[in-house]
C-alpha cells in the first residue's frame, strides 16, 4: 500500500483501488493536456481523486508541502491558544 495513494483515497472519499487507478492514469498521461479522462473521474469524488493524483504525480513538492501545511495549521493554532 502506497502512502500517497492511501492519503488521496482518504482525502477524496474513494476506496483504495479507485485511488490507485487514478494515480496510475495520472502517471500514464504524464501531463498530456489533451488526454481523455475516464468517465468515473469527471465528477464528484472521482474528480477530486484524479485531481489529487495529478498534482501528486506532476508536482510532488506542492502535494506534500500542501499536506504538511494543512496538518500544521491546527497545531500552530493550538500552540497559540495555549501560550497566549
N, C-alpha and C. Protein backbone atom coordinates (compact mmCIF):
# COMPACT_ATOMS: atom_id res chain seq x y z
N UNK A 1 0.84 -1.18 0.00
CA UNK A 1 0.00 0.00 0.00
C UNK A 1 0.88 1.24 0.00
N UNK A 2 0.63 2.09 -0.93
CA UNK A 2 1.38 3.33 -1.05
C UNK A 2 0.78 4.40 -0.13
N UNK A 3 1.64 5.14 0.53
CA UNK A 3 1.16 6.21 1.42
C UNK A 3 0.45 7.29 0.62
N UNK A 4 0.98 7.64 -0.54
CA UNK A 4 0.36 8.66 -1.38
C UNK A 4 -1.04 8.24 -1.80
N UNK A 5 -1.18 7.02 -2.24
CA UNK A 5 -2.49 6.52 -2.69
C UNK A 5 -3.47 6.47 -1.53
N UNK A 6 -3.01 6.05 -0.36
CA UNK A 6 -3.87 6.00 0.82
C UNK A 6 -4.35 7.39 1.21
N UNK A 7 -3.45 8.36 1.19
CA UNK A 7 -3.83 9.74 1.53
C UNK A 7 -4.83 10.29 0.51
N UNK A 8 -4.58 10.05 -0.76
CA UNK A 8 -5.50 10.52 -1.80
C UNK A 8 -6.87 9.87 -1.62
N UNK A 9 -6.91 8.59 -1.31
CA UNK A 9 -8.19 7.90 -1.10
C UNK A 9 -8.95 8.50 0.08
N UNK A 10 -8.25 8.77 1.17
CA UNK A 10 -8.91 9.32 2.36
C UNK A 10 -9.40 10.74 2.12
N UNK A 11 -8.57 11.58 1.49
CA UNK A 11 -8.96 12.97 1.27
C UNK A 11 -10.08 13.13 0.25
N UNK A 12 -10.11 12.27 -0.76
CA UNK A 12 -11.12 12.41 -1.79
C UNK A 12 -12.39 11.62 -1.53
N UNK A 13 -12.32 10.66 -0.60
CA UNK A 13 -13.53 9.90 -0.26
C UNK A 13 -13.81 8.74 -1.19
N UNK A 14 -12.78 8.16 -1.78
CA UNK A 14 -12.95 6.98 -2.63
C UNK A 14 -12.22 5.81 -1.98
N UNK A 15 -12.42 4.61 -2.53
CA UNK A 15 -11.72 3.45 -2.00
C UNK A 15 -10.30 3.36 -2.58
N UNK A 16 -9.49 2.51 -1.97
CA UNK A 16 -8.08 2.41 -2.35
C UNK A 16 -7.89 2.02 -3.82
N UNK A 17 -8.62 1.02 -4.36
CA UNK A 17 -8.41 0.66 -5.77
C UNK A 17 -8.71 1.81 -6.74
N UNK A 18 -9.73 2.61 -6.45
CA UNK A 18 -10.03 3.75 -7.33
C UNK A 18 -8.92 4.79 -7.27
N UNK A 19 -8.38 5.03 -6.07
CA UNK A 19 -7.28 5.98 -5.95
C UNK A 19 -6.03 5.46 -6.64
N UNK A 20 -5.78 4.16 -6.53
CA UNK A 20 -4.63 3.55 -7.21
C UNK A 20 -4.77 3.68 -8.72
N UNK A 21 -5.98 3.46 -9.22
CA UNK A 21 -6.22 3.59 -10.67
C UNK A 21 -6.02 5.04 -11.12
N UNK A 22 -6.48 5.99 -10.32
CA UNK A 22 -6.29 7.40 -10.67
C UNK A 22 -4.81 7.76 -10.69
N UNK A 23 -4.05 7.26 -9.74
CA UNK A 23 -2.60 7.53 -9.72
C UNK A 23 -1.92 6.88 -10.92
N UNK A 24 -2.33 5.67 -11.26
CA UNK A 24 -1.75 5.01 -12.43
C UNK A 24 -2.07 5.76 -13.72
N UNK A 25 -3.31 6.24 -13.84
CA UNK A 25 -3.69 7.00 -15.03
C UNK A 25 -2.95 8.34 -15.10
N UNK A 26 -2.83 9.01 -13.97
CA UNK A 26 -2.12 10.29 -13.96
C UNK A 26 -0.66 10.09 -14.35
N UNK A 27 -0.07 9.00 -13.92
CA UNK A 27 1.31 8.70 -14.30
C UNK A 27 1.43 8.32 -15.76
N UNK A 28 0.43 7.63 -16.29
CA UNK A 28 0.47 7.22 -17.69
C UNK A 28 0.28 8.40 -18.64
N UNK A 29 -0.57 9.35 -18.27
CA UNK A 29 -0.80 10.51 -19.14
C UNK A 29 0.38 11.47 -19.11
N UNK A 30 1.11 11.50 -18.00
CA UNK A 30 2.35 12.27 -17.88
C UNK A 30 2.17 13.73 -18.31
N UNK A 31 1.11 14.37 -17.83
CA UNK A 31 0.90 15.79 -18.09
C UNK A 31 0.34 16.10 -19.46
N UNK A 32 -0.09 15.11 -20.21
CA UNK A 32 -0.65 15.35 -21.54
C UNK A 32 -2.01 16.03 -21.40
N UNK A 33 -2.12 17.24 -21.94
CA UNK A 33 -3.32 18.06 -21.73
C UNK A 33 -4.52 17.51 -22.47
N UNK A 34 -4.35 17.00 -23.65
CA UNK A 34 -5.47 16.55 -24.47
C UNK A 34 -5.93 15.14 -24.22
N UNK A 35 -5.40 14.48 -23.20
CA UNK A 35 -5.76 13.09 -22.94
C UNK A 35 -7.19 12.98 -22.42
N UNK A 36 -7.88 11.95 -22.86
CA UNK A 36 -9.27 11.73 -22.44
C UNK A 36 -9.28 11.10 -21.04
N UNK A 37 -10.04 11.69 -20.14
CA UNK A 37 -10.17 11.19 -18.77
C UNK A 37 -11.36 10.24 -18.72
N UNK A 38 -11.22 9.09 -18.07
CA UNK A 38 -12.36 8.17 -17.95
C UNK A 38 -13.55 8.84 -17.26
N UNK A 39 -14.72 8.38 -17.59
CA UNK A 39 -15.98 8.96 -17.10
C UNK A 39 -16.05 8.98 -15.57
N UNK A 40 -15.52 7.97 -14.91
CA UNK A 40 -15.61 7.90 -13.45
C UNK A 40 -14.80 8.98 -12.74
N UNK A 41 -13.88 9.63 -13.45
CA UNK A 41 -13.06 10.68 -12.86
C UNK A 41 -13.43 12.08 -13.35
N UNK A 42 -14.64 12.25 -13.83
CA UNK A 42 -15.05 13.57 -14.34
C UNK A 42 -15.96 14.35 -13.40
N UNK A 43 -16.44 13.74 -12.35
CA UNK A 43 -17.32 14.45 -11.42
C UNK A 43 -17.23 13.83 -10.03
N UNK A 44 -17.61 14.61 -9.03
CA UNK A 44 -17.70 14.14 -7.65
C UNK A 44 -16.38 13.72 -7.03
N UNK A 45 -16.44 12.66 -6.25
CA UNK A 45 -15.26 12.17 -5.53
C UNK A 45 -14.19 11.68 -6.49
N UNK A 46 -14.59 11.13 -7.61
CA UNK A 46 -13.61 10.67 -8.61
C UNK A 46 -12.80 11.82 -9.18
N UNK A 47 -13.45 12.95 -9.40
CA UNK A 47 -12.74 14.12 -9.92
C UNK A 47 -11.74 14.65 -8.89
N UNK A 48 -12.15 14.67 -7.61
CA UNK A 48 -11.21 15.08 -6.55
C UNK A 48 -10.02 14.14 -6.50
N UNK A 49 -10.30 12.86 -6.60
CA UNK A 49 -9.26 11.85 -6.55
C UNK A 49 -8.28 12.02 -7.71
N UNK A 50 -8.79 12.20 -8.90
CA UNK A 50 -7.92 12.34 -10.08
C UNK A 50 -7.12 13.64 -10.01
N UNK A 51 -7.73 14.70 -9.50
CA UNK A 51 -7.01 15.97 -9.36
C UNK A 51 -5.86 15.83 -8.37
N UNK A 52 -6.10 15.21 -7.23
CA UNK A 52 -5.03 14.99 -6.25
C UNK A 52 -3.93 14.08 -6.82
N UNK A 53 -4.34 13.06 -7.56
CA UNK A 53 -3.36 12.15 -8.16
C UNK A 53 -2.50 12.87 -9.19
N UNK A 54 -3.11 13.75 -9.96
CA UNK A 54 -2.36 14.52 -10.96
C UNK A 54 -1.38 15.46 -10.28
N UNK A 55 -1.81 16.13 -9.23
CA UNK A 55 -0.90 17.02 -8.50
C UNK A 55 0.23 16.22 -7.86
N UNK A 56 -0.09 15.08 -7.28
CA UNK A 56 0.94 14.24 -6.65
C UNK A 56 1.93 13.73 -7.67
N UNK A 57 1.48 13.47 -8.89
CA UNK A 57 2.36 12.94 -9.93
C UNK A 57 3.21 14.02 -10.58
N UNK A 58 2.60 15.17 -10.88
CA UNK A 58 3.32 16.20 -11.64
C UNK A 58 4.04 17.20 -10.76
N UNK A 59 3.50 17.49 -9.58
CA UNK A 59 4.10 18.46 -8.67
C UNK A 59 4.17 17.87 -7.26
N UNK A 60 5.11 16.99 -7.08
CA UNK A 60 5.24 16.24 -5.84
C UNK A 60 5.49 17.14 -4.64
N UNK A 61 6.37 18.12 -4.79
CA UNK A 61 6.69 19.02 -3.68
C UNK A 61 5.46 19.84 -3.26
N UNK A 62 4.67 20.27 -4.22
CA UNK A 62 3.45 21.02 -3.92
C UNK A 62 2.46 20.14 -3.15
N UNK A 63 2.32 18.89 -3.56
CA UNK A 63 1.39 17.97 -2.89
C UNK A 63 1.79 17.76 -1.44
N UNK A 64 3.05 17.39 -1.20
CA UNK A 64 3.50 17.11 0.16
C UNK A 64 3.61 18.38 1.00
N UNK A 65 4.02 19.49 0.39
CA UNK A 65 4.08 20.75 1.12
C UNK A 65 2.70 21.22 1.55
N UNK A 66 1.72 21.09 0.66
CA UNK A 66 0.35 21.45 1.00
C UNK A 66 -0.22 20.56 2.07
N UNK A 67 0.09 19.28 2.01
CA UNK A 67 -0.38 18.35 3.02
C UNK A 67 0.24 18.66 4.38
N UNK A 68 1.51 18.98 4.39
CA UNK A 68 2.19 19.36 5.63
C UNK A 68 1.60 20.64 6.20
N UNK A 69 1.35 21.62 5.35
CA UNK A 69 0.74 22.87 5.79
C UNK A 69 -0.67 22.64 6.33
N UNK A 70 -1.42 21.83 5.63
CA UNK A 70 -2.78 21.51 6.05
C UNK A 70 -2.80 20.88 7.44
N UNK A 71 -1.81 20.05 7.72
CA UNK A 71 -1.74 19.38 9.02
C UNK A 71 -1.17 20.27 10.12
N UNK A 72 -0.30 21.22 9.75
CA UNK A 72 0.38 22.01 10.78
C UNK A 72 -0.43 23.23 11.25
N UNK A 73 -1.36 23.72 10.48
CA UNK A 73 -2.13 24.90 10.88
C UNK A 73 -2.91 24.66 12.17
N UNK A 74 -3.64 23.56 12.35
CA UNK A 74 -4.32 23.35 13.64
C UNK A 74 -3.35 23.22 14.81
N UNK A 75 -2.20 22.63 14.58
CA UNK A 75 -1.20 22.50 15.65
C UNK A 75 -0.70 23.88 16.06
N UNK A 76 -0.40 24.72 15.09
CA UNK A 76 0.07 26.08 15.38
C UNK A 76 -1.02 26.91 16.07
N UNK A 77 -2.26 26.73 15.68
CA UNK A 77 -3.36 27.44 16.34
C UNK A 77 -3.51 26.99 17.79
N UNK A 78 -3.37 25.71 18.04
CA UNK A 78 -3.45 25.19 19.40
C UNK A 78 -2.29 25.74 20.26
N UNK A 79 -1.12 25.80 19.72
CA UNK A 79 0.02 26.35 20.44
C UNK A 79 -0.23 27.82 20.76
N UNK A 80 -0.78 28.56 19.82
CA UNK A 80 -1.09 29.98 20.04
C UNK A 80 -2.10 30.14 21.17
N UNK A 81 -3.12 29.30 21.21
CA UNK A 81 -4.15 29.38 22.25
C UNK A 81 -3.57 29.02 23.62
N UNK A 82 -2.75 28.00 23.68
CA UNK A 82 -2.21 27.53 24.95
C UNK A 82 -1.16 28.47 25.53
N UNK A 83 -0.41 29.14 24.69
CA UNK A 83 0.65 30.00 25.16
C UNK A 83 0.30 31.48 25.10
N UNK A 84 -0.92 31.79 24.77
CA UNK A 84 -1.40 33.16 24.78
C UNK A 84 -0.75 33.99 23.80
